[in-house]
């Protein structure tokens, strides 16, 4: 069996500053509509509470949603997902929260492999890049 890990020789000298972390899991739509009404409510909470970090797990556009399964969307899967991202990013700008987007195997527009690569969003405005993070699933997230 492998040798056990040793105890670190140095410990942090001061405790880290307290952080507020908000975690939410999709889907962000109701079962009868693709209008993202629950997501709008979540954005209002983020703006009101101003968490330091928001970890948002997919699915953002759920493959199991009835309107997705029946192809009743007004645009492609990728276009609807991009609208969802823009809604979150622009809606939370005033809060200044760090946003972490984690994909789900049920994200209809994304790769159906595990581990999942991070989302690609080349249209992300330059001003938002420092606070918006796309990570793989699984991932290790170090806050602070």
N, C-alpha and C. Protein backbone atom coordinates (compact mmCIF):
# COMPACT_ATOMS: atom_id res chain seq x y z
N UNK A 1 0.85 -1.19 0.00
CA UNK A 1 0.00 0.00 0.00
C UNK A 1 0.89 1.24 0.00
N UNK A 2 0.39 2.34 -0.54
CA UNK A 2 1.21 3.55 -0.63
C UNK A 2 1.47 4.17 0.73
N UNK A 3 2.55 4.92 0.80
CA UNK A 3 2.93 5.62 2.02
C UNK A 3 1.91 6.75 2.27
N UNK A 4 1.42 6.89 3.52
CA UNK A 4 0.45 7.95 3.79
C UNK A 4 1.07 9.33 3.60
N UNK A 5 0.25 10.30 3.26
CA UNK A 5 0.71 11.67 3.08
C UNK A 5 1.15 12.25 4.41
N UNK A 6 2.19 13.06 4.36
CA UNK A 6 2.67 13.69 5.59
C UNK A 6 1.85 14.92 5.91
N UNK A 7 1.90 15.34 7.16
CA UNK A 7 1.19 16.53 7.61
C UNK A 7 1.97 17.74 7.12
N UNK A 8 1.30 18.77 6.59
CA UNK A 8 2.03 19.94 6.11
C UNK A 8 2.86 20.57 7.23
N UNK A 9 4.04 21.04 6.86
CA UNK A 9 4.95 21.63 7.84
C UNK A 9 4.55 23.03 8.24
N UNK A 10 3.91 23.75 7.35
CA UNK A 10 3.48 25.12 7.67
C UNK A 10 1.97 25.21 7.57
N UNK A 11 1.39 25.88 8.51
CA UNK A 11 -0.04 26.12 8.50
C UNK A 11 -0.29 27.58 8.19
N UNK A 12 -1.45 27.91 7.66
CA UNK A 12 -1.74 29.31 7.37
C UNK A 12 -1.60 30.15 8.64
N UNK A 13 -1.00 31.33 8.50
CA UNK A 13 -0.74 32.17 9.67
C UNK A 13 -2.00 32.88 10.17
N UNK A 14 -2.92 33.18 9.27
CA UNK A 14 -4.14 33.87 9.66
C UNK A 14 -5.33 33.20 8.99
N UNK A 15 -6.46 33.14 9.67
CA UNK A 15 -7.63 32.54 9.04
C UNK A 15 -8.07 33.37 7.83
N UNK A 16 -8.58 32.68 6.82
CA UNK A 16 -9.05 33.36 5.62
C UNK A 16 -10.28 34.21 5.94
N UNK A 17 -10.43 35.24 5.17
CA UNK A 17 -11.59 36.11 5.34
C UNK A 17 -12.86 35.32 5.00
N UNK A 18 -13.92 35.58 5.74
CA UNK A 18 -15.17 34.86 5.52
C UNK A 18 -15.73 35.22 4.15
N UNK A 19 -16.23 34.23 3.43
CA UNK A 19 -16.80 34.41 2.10
C UNK A 19 -18.23 33.88 2.08
N UNK A 20 -19.05 34.55 1.28
CA UNK A 20 -20.43 34.08 1.08
C UNK A 20 -20.47 33.37 -0.28
N UNK A 21 -20.86 32.10 -0.28
CA UNK A 21 -20.93 31.30 -1.49
C UNK A 21 -22.37 30.85 -1.70
N UNK A 22 -22.89 31.12 -2.87
CA UNK A 22 -24.24 30.69 -3.24
C UNK A 22 -24.08 29.56 -4.26
N UNK A 23 -24.78 28.45 -4.04
CA UNK A 23 -24.73 27.30 -4.95
C UNK A 23 -26.13 27.02 -5.43
N UNK A 24 -26.29 26.88 -6.75
CA UNK A 24 -27.61 26.58 -7.32
C UNK A 24 -27.46 25.49 -8.38
N UNK A 25 -28.48 24.66 -8.49
CA UNK A 25 -28.49 23.58 -9.47
C UNK A 25 -29.68 23.73 -10.40
N UNK A 26 -29.45 23.48 -11.68
CA UNK A 26 -30.51 23.53 -12.67
C UNK A 26 -31.36 22.28 -12.60
N UNK A 27 -32.39 22.20 -13.37
CA UNK A 27 -32.72 23.13 -14.45
C UNK A 27 -33.30 24.44 -13.91
N UNK A 28 -33.12 25.49 -14.70
CA UNK A 28 -33.54 26.83 -14.31
C UNK A 28 -34.82 27.25 -15.02
N UNK A 29 -35.59 26.27 -15.44
CA UNK A 29 -36.89 26.51 -16.08
C UNK A 29 -37.95 25.71 -15.33
N UNK A 30 -39.21 26.07 -15.55
CA UNK A 30 -40.29 25.25 -15.01
C UNK A 30 -40.56 24.12 -16.00
N UNK A 31 -41.30 23.12 -15.57
CA UNK A 31 -41.54 21.97 -16.44
C UNK A 31 -42.44 22.29 -17.63
N UNK A 32 -43.22 23.37 -17.53
CA UNK A 32 -44.15 23.68 -18.62
C UNK A 32 -43.72 24.88 -19.48
N UNK A 33 -42.57 25.46 -19.19
CA UNK A 33 -42.14 26.64 -19.95
C UNK A 33 -40.62 26.68 -20.02
N UNK A 34 -40.11 27.22 -21.11
CA UNK A 34 -38.67 27.37 -21.27
C UNK A 34 -38.27 28.82 -21.03
N UNK A 35 -39.10 29.59 -20.33
CA UNK A 35 -38.91 31.04 -20.16
C UNK A 35 -37.87 31.42 -19.11
N UNK A 36 -37.27 30.49 -18.41
CA UNK A 36 -36.25 30.75 -17.40
C UNK A 36 -36.74 31.65 -16.26
N UNK A 37 -38.02 31.51 -15.88
CA UNK A 37 -38.55 32.29 -14.76
C UNK A 37 -37.83 32.00 -13.44
N UNK A 38 -37.53 30.73 -13.09
CA UNK A 38 -36.77 30.48 -11.86
C UNK A 38 -35.38 31.12 -11.89
N UNK A 39 -34.79 31.19 -13.07
CA UNK A 39 -33.48 31.83 -13.21
C UNK A 39 -33.57 33.33 -12.93
N UNK A 40 -34.63 33.95 -13.38
CA UNK A 40 -34.85 35.37 -13.09
C UNK A 40 -34.94 35.59 -11.59
N UNK A 41 -35.64 34.70 -10.88
CA UNK A 41 -35.73 34.80 -9.42
C UNK A 41 -34.35 34.63 -8.78
N UNK A 42 -33.55 33.70 -9.29
CA UNK A 42 -32.20 33.48 -8.77
C UNK A 42 -31.33 34.72 -8.96
N UNK A 43 -31.42 35.34 -10.12
CA UNK A 43 -30.64 36.55 -10.40
C UNK A 43 -31.02 37.65 -9.41
N UNK A 44 -32.30 37.77 -9.09
CA UNK A 44 -32.74 38.77 -8.11
C UNK A 44 -32.11 38.50 -6.74
N UNK A 45 -32.01 37.24 -6.36
CA UNK A 45 -31.39 36.88 -5.08
C UNK A 45 -29.90 37.24 -5.10
N UNK A 46 -29.23 36.96 -6.21
CA UNK A 46 -27.80 37.28 -6.32
C UNK A 46 -27.58 38.79 -6.21
N UNK A 47 -28.40 39.57 -6.89
CA UNK A 47 -28.27 41.03 -6.84
C UNK A 47 -28.57 41.55 -5.44
N UNK A 48 -29.56 40.97 -4.78
CA UNK A 48 -29.93 41.43 -3.44
C UNK A 48 -28.88 41.05 -2.39
N UNK A 49 -28.42 39.78 -2.41
CA UNK A 49 -27.53 39.27 -1.36
C UNK A 49 -26.04 39.49 -1.65
N UNK A 50 -25.68 39.73 -2.90
CA UNK A 50 -24.30 39.99 -3.31
C UNK A 50 -23.29 38.95 -2.78
N UNK A 51 -23.49 37.67 -3.09
CA UNK A 51 -22.51 36.67 -2.64
C UNK A 51 -21.16 36.90 -3.33
N UNK A 52 -20.09 36.47 -2.67
CA UNK A 52 -18.76 36.59 -3.26
C UNK A 52 -18.62 35.67 -4.47
N UNK A 53 -19.17 34.45 -4.33
CA UNK A 53 -19.05 33.44 -5.38
C UNK A 53 -20.42 32.78 -5.58
N UNK A 54 -20.77 32.58 -6.84
CA UNK A 54 -21.99 31.82 -7.21
C UNK A 54 -21.55 30.63 -8.05
N UNK A 55 -21.79 29.44 -7.54
CA UNK A 55 -21.49 28.22 -8.29
C UNK A 55 -22.81 27.73 -8.88
N UNK A 56 -22.89 27.76 -10.19
CA UNK A 56 -24.13 27.40 -10.89
C UNK A 56 -23.92 26.10 -11.65
N UNK A 57 -24.61 25.06 -11.19
CA UNK A 57 -24.55 23.76 -11.84
C UNK A 57 -25.67 23.66 -12.87
N UNK A 58 -25.38 22.98 -13.99
CA UNK A 58 -26.40 22.74 -14.99
C UNK A 58 -27.36 21.67 -14.52
N UNK A 59 -28.34 21.34 -15.32
CA UNK A 59 -28.46 21.75 -16.71
C UNK A 59 -29.04 23.16 -16.85
N UNK A 60 -28.49 23.87 -17.82
CA UNK A 60 -28.99 25.21 -18.13
C UNK A 60 -30.09 25.11 -19.19
N UNK A 61 -29.91 24.25 -20.17
CA UNK A 61 -30.96 23.92 -21.12
C UNK A 61 -31.12 22.40 -21.07
N UNK A 62 -32.12 21.96 -20.33
CA UNK A 62 -32.29 20.56 -19.96
C UNK A 62 -32.75 19.69 -21.12
N UNK A 63 -31.98 18.63 -21.40
CA UNK A 63 -32.32 17.69 -22.47
C UNK A 63 -33.64 16.97 -22.19
N UNK A 64 -34.05 16.90 -20.92
CA UNK A 64 -35.28 16.20 -20.55
C UNK A 64 -36.52 17.11 -20.57
N UNK A 65 -36.34 18.40 -20.88
CA UNK A 65 -37.49 19.31 -20.91
C UNK A 65 -38.37 18.96 -22.10
N UNK A 66 -39.68 18.99 -21.89
CA UNK A 66 -40.63 18.60 -22.93
C UNK A 66 -40.47 19.42 -24.21
N UNK A 67 -40.28 20.73 -24.09
CA UNK A 67 -40.13 21.58 -25.28
C UNK A 67 -38.82 21.31 -26.01
N UNK A 68 -37.81 20.89 -25.30
CA UNK A 68 -36.54 20.52 -25.94
C UNK A 68 -36.69 19.20 -26.67
N UNK A 69 -37.29 18.23 -25.99
CA UNK A 69 -37.49 16.91 -26.61
C UNK A 69 -38.36 16.99 -27.86
N UNK A 70 -39.34 17.91 -27.88
CA UNK A 70 -40.25 18.05 -29.02
C UNK A 70 -39.79 19.11 -30.01
N UNK A 71 -38.57 19.62 -29.84
CA UNK A 71 -37.99 20.63 -30.74
C UNK A 71 -38.91 21.84 -30.92
N UNK A 72 -39.41 22.39 -29.82
CA UNK A 72 -40.31 23.53 -29.87
C UNK A 72 -39.63 24.84 -29.48
N UNK A 73 -38.32 24.91 -29.63
CA UNK A 73 -37.59 26.13 -29.29
C UNK A 73 -37.56 27.07 -30.49
N UNK A 74 -37.38 28.34 -30.23
CA UNK A 74 -37.37 29.35 -31.30
C UNK A 74 -35.97 29.51 -31.91
N UNK A 75 -34.97 28.85 -31.35
CA UNK A 75 -33.62 28.91 -31.88
C UNK A 75 -32.92 27.59 -31.64
N UNK A 76 -31.66 27.53 -32.04
CA UNK A 76 -30.89 26.31 -31.81
C UNK A 76 -30.59 26.16 -30.32
N UNK A 77 -30.18 24.96 -29.93
CA UNK A 77 -29.83 24.71 -28.54
C UNK A 77 -28.73 25.67 -28.08
N UNK A 78 -27.72 25.84 -28.91
CA UNK A 78 -26.59 26.72 -28.56
C UNK A 78 -27.05 28.16 -28.41
N UNK A 79 -27.96 28.62 -29.28
CA UNK A 79 -28.45 30.01 -29.18
C UNK A 79 -29.23 30.23 -27.90
N UNK A 80 -30.08 29.28 -27.53
CA UNK A 80 -30.87 29.42 -26.30
C UNK A 80 -29.94 29.40 -25.09
N UNK A 81 -28.92 28.54 -25.12
CA UNK A 81 -27.96 28.49 -24.02
C UNK A 81 -27.22 29.83 -23.90
N UNK A 82 -26.79 30.40 -25.01
CA UNK A 82 -26.08 31.68 -24.98
C UNK A 82 -26.97 32.79 -24.42
N UNK A 83 -28.24 32.76 -24.75
CA UNK A 83 -29.17 33.75 -24.18
C UNK A 83 -29.27 33.58 -22.67
N UNK A 84 -29.28 32.34 -22.21
CA UNK A 84 -29.32 32.05 -20.78
C UNK A 84 -28.06 32.59 -20.09
N UNK A 85 -26.89 32.34 -20.68
CA UNK A 85 -25.64 32.85 -20.11
C UNK A 85 -25.63 34.37 -20.06
N UNK A 86 -26.05 35.00 -21.15
CA UNK A 86 -26.08 36.47 -21.18
C UNK A 86 -27.00 37.01 -20.10
N UNK A 87 -28.12 36.36 -19.92
CA UNK A 87 -29.08 36.77 -18.89
C UNK A 87 -28.44 36.74 -17.51
N UNK A 88 -27.70 35.67 -17.21
CA UNK A 88 -27.05 35.53 -15.91
C UNK A 88 -25.92 36.55 -15.76
N UNK A 89 -25.05 36.62 -16.74
CA UNK A 89 -23.86 37.48 -16.65
C UNK A 89 -24.25 38.95 -16.57
N UNK A 90 -25.13 39.39 -17.45
CA UNK A 90 -25.55 40.79 -17.44
C UNK A 90 -26.40 41.12 -16.22
N UNK A 91 -27.24 40.19 -15.81
CA UNK A 91 -28.12 40.42 -14.67
C UNK A 91 -27.41 40.50 -13.34
N UNK A 92 -26.22 39.90 -13.24
CA UNK A 92 -25.49 39.90 -11.97
C UNK A 92 -24.30 40.86 -11.96
N UNK A 93 -24.13 41.61 -13.02
CA UNK A 93 -22.99 42.52 -13.13
C UNK A 93 -22.90 43.48 -11.96
N UNK A 94 -24.04 44.04 -11.55
CA UNK A 94 -24.03 45.03 -10.47
C UNK A 94 -23.65 44.41 -9.12
N UNK A 95 -23.86 43.10 -8.96
CA UNK A 95 -23.52 42.43 -7.71
C UNK A 95 -22.01 42.21 -7.60
N UNK A 96 -21.34 42.07 -8.74
CA UNK A 96 -19.91 41.85 -8.73
C UNK A 96 -19.48 40.46 -8.30
N UNK A 97 -20.41 39.53 -8.22
CA UNK A 97 -20.11 38.16 -7.77
C UNK A 97 -19.27 37.42 -8.81
N UNK A 98 -18.40 36.55 -8.31
CA UNK A 98 -17.69 35.63 -9.19
C UNK A 98 -18.68 34.55 -9.59
N UNK A 99 -18.78 34.26 -10.88
CA UNK A 99 -19.71 33.24 -11.37
C UNK A 99 -18.92 32.03 -11.85
N UNK A 100 -19.31 30.86 -11.37
CA UNK A 100 -18.67 29.61 -11.78
C UNK A 100 -19.74 28.74 -12.42
N UNK A 101 -19.55 28.41 -13.70
CA UNK A 101 -20.51 27.60 -14.44
C UNK A 101 -19.98 26.17 -14.57
N UNK A 102 -20.79 25.22 -14.07
CA UNK A 102 -20.42 23.81 -14.09
C UNK A 102 -21.42 23.07 -14.98
N UNK A 103 -20.96 22.36 -16.02
CA UNK A 103 -21.89 21.68 -16.93
C UNK A 103 -22.54 20.45 -16.29
N UNK A 104 -23.60 19.99 -16.96
CA UNK A 104 -24.31 18.78 -16.55
C UNK A 104 -24.42 17.85 -17.76
N UNK A 105 -24.51 16.57 -17.51
CA UNK A 105 -24.71 15.63 -18.62
C UNK A 105 -26.06 15.85 -19.29
N UNK A 106 -26.97 16.58 -18.64
CA UNK A 106 -28.28 16.85 -19.24
C UNK A 106 -28.32 18.18 -19.99
N UNK A 107 -27.20 18.89 -20.10
CA UNK A 107 -27.15 20.10 -20.93
C UNK A 107 -27.19 19.68 -22.39
N UNK A 108 -28.30 19.97 -23.05
CA UNK A 108 -28.54 19.45 -24.39
C UNK A 108 -27.56 20.00 -25.43
N UNK A 109 -27.01 21.16 -25.21
CA UNK A 109 -26.12 21.78 -26.18
C UNK A 109 -24.65 21.39 -25.98
N UNK A 110 -24.34 20.63 -24.92
CA UNK A 110 -22.96 20.37 -24.53
C UNK A 110 -22.57 18.91 -24.75
N UNK A 111 -21.28 18.63 -24.63
CA UNK A 111 -20.76 17.27 -24.86
C UNK A 111 -21.33 16.28 -23.85
N UNK A 112 -21.73 15.11 -24.36
CA UNK A 112 -22.28 14.04 -23.51
C UNK A 112 -21.18 13.06 -23.13
N UNK A 113 -20.08 13.54 -22.61
CA UNK A 113 -18.96 12.70 -22.19
C UNK A 113 -18.66 13.00 -20.73
N UNK A 114 -18.01 12.05 -20.10
CA UNK A 114 -17.60 12.27 -18.71
C UNK A 114 -16.15 11.87 -18.59
N UNK A 115 -15.29 12.69 -18.09
CA UNK A 115 -15.53 14.02 -17.55
C UNK A 115 -15.90 15.02 -18.65
N UNK A 116 -16.68 16.02 -18.26
CA UNK A 116 -17.14 17.02 -19.22
C UNK A 116 -16.19 18.20 -19.28
N UNK A 117 -15.91 18.66 -20.48
CA UNK A 117 -15.09 19.87 -20.60
C UNK A 117 -15.90 21.10 -20.20
N UNK A 118 -15.23 22.21 -19.92
CA UNK A 118 -15.97 23.43 -19.58
C UNK A 118 -16.74 23.96 -20.79
N UNK A 119 -17.74 24.78 -20.53
CA UNK A 119 -18.47 25.44 -21.61
C UNK A 119 -17.52 26.38 -22.35
N UNK A 120 -17.81 26.58 -23.62
CA UNK A 120 -17.10 27.57 -24.41
C UNK A 120 -18.03 28.75 -24.64
N UNK A 121 -17.54 29.95 -24.40
CA UNK A 121 -18.35 31.15 -24.62
C UNK A 121 -17.42 32.28 -25.08
N UNK A 122 -16.96 32.20 -26.35
CA UNK A 122 -16.02 33.20 -26.84
C UNK A 122 -16.60 34.61 -26.89
N UNK A 123 -17.93 34.74 -26.87
CA UNK A 123 -18.57 36.05 -26.91
C UNK A 123 -18.57 36.77 -25.56
N UNK A 124 -17.97 36.16 -24.55
CA UNK A 124 -17.95 36.76 -23.22
C UNK A 124 -17.28 38.13 -23.28
N UNK A 125 -18.00 39.19 -22.84
CA UNK A 125 -17.40 40.53 -22.87
C UNK A 125 -16.12 40.59 -22.06
N UNK A 126 -15.18 41.36 -22.55
CA UNK A 126 -13.86 41.48 -21.92
C UNK A 126 -13.96 41.92 -20.47
N UNK A 127 -14.88 42.83 -20.16
CA UNK A 127 -15.03 43.33 -18.80
C UNK A 127 -15.51 42.26 -17.82
N UNK A 128 -16.20 41.23 -18.33
CA UNK A 128 -16.74 40.18 -17.46
C UNK A 128 -15.77 39.02 -17.27
N UNK A 129 -14.73 38.93 -18.05
CA UNK A 129 -13.81 37.78 -18.00
C UNK A 129 -13.19 37.54 -16.63
N UNK A 130 -12.82 38.58 -15.87
CA UNK A 130 -12.22 38.31 -14.56
C UNK A 130 -13.18 37.66 -13.55
N UNK A 131 -14.50 37.81 -13.74
CA UNK A 131 -15.44 37.29 -12.74
C UNK A 131 -16.25 36.09 -13.22
N UNK A 132 -16.10 35.68 -14.47
CA UNK A 132 -16.86 34.55 -15.01
C UNK A 132 -15.90 33.40 -15.30
N UNK A 133 -16.22 32.23 -14.72
CA UNK A 133 -15.34 31.07 -14.83
C UNK A 133 -16.13 29.87 -15.33
N UNK A 134 -15.61 29.22 -16.34
CA UNK A 134 -16.21 28.00 -16.87
C UNK A 134 -15.29 26.85 -16.48
N UNK A 135 -15.83 25.87 -15.76
CA UNK A 135 -15.02 24.77 -15.27
C UNK A 135 -15.53 23.45 -15.81
N UNK A 136 -14.70 22.42 -15.70
CA UNK A 136 -15.10 21.09 -16.14
C UNK A 136 -15.92 20.42 -15.05
N UNK A 137 -16.49 19.28 -15.40
CA UNK A 137 -17.24 18.47 -14.42
C UNK A 137 -16.70 17.07 -14.50
N UNK A 138 -16.00 16.57 -13.50
CA UNK A 138 -15.77 17.15 -12.19
C UNK A 138 -14.64 18.17 -12.21
N UNK A 139 -14.57 18.93 -11.14
CA UNK A 139 -13.49 19.89 -10.99
C UNK A 139 -13.21 20.09 -9.50
N UNK A 140 -12.09 20.70 -9.24
CA UNK A 140 -11.75 21.11 -7.88
C UNK A 140 -11.78 22.63 -7.88
N UNK A 141 -12.52 23.19 -6.97
CA UNK A 141 -12.69 24.65 -6.90
C UNK A 141 -12.08 25.15 -5.60
N UNK A 142 -11.13 26.04 -5.71
CA UNK A 142 -10.49 26.63 -4.54
C UNK A 142 -10.98 28.06 -4.42
N UNK A 143 -11.80 28.34 -3.41
CA UNK A 143 -12.31 29.68 -3.18
C UNK A 143 -11.38 30.36 -2.19
N UNK A 144 -10.81 31.47 -2.62
CA UNK A 144 -9.88 32.26 -1.81
C UNK A 144 -8.57 31.51 -1.68
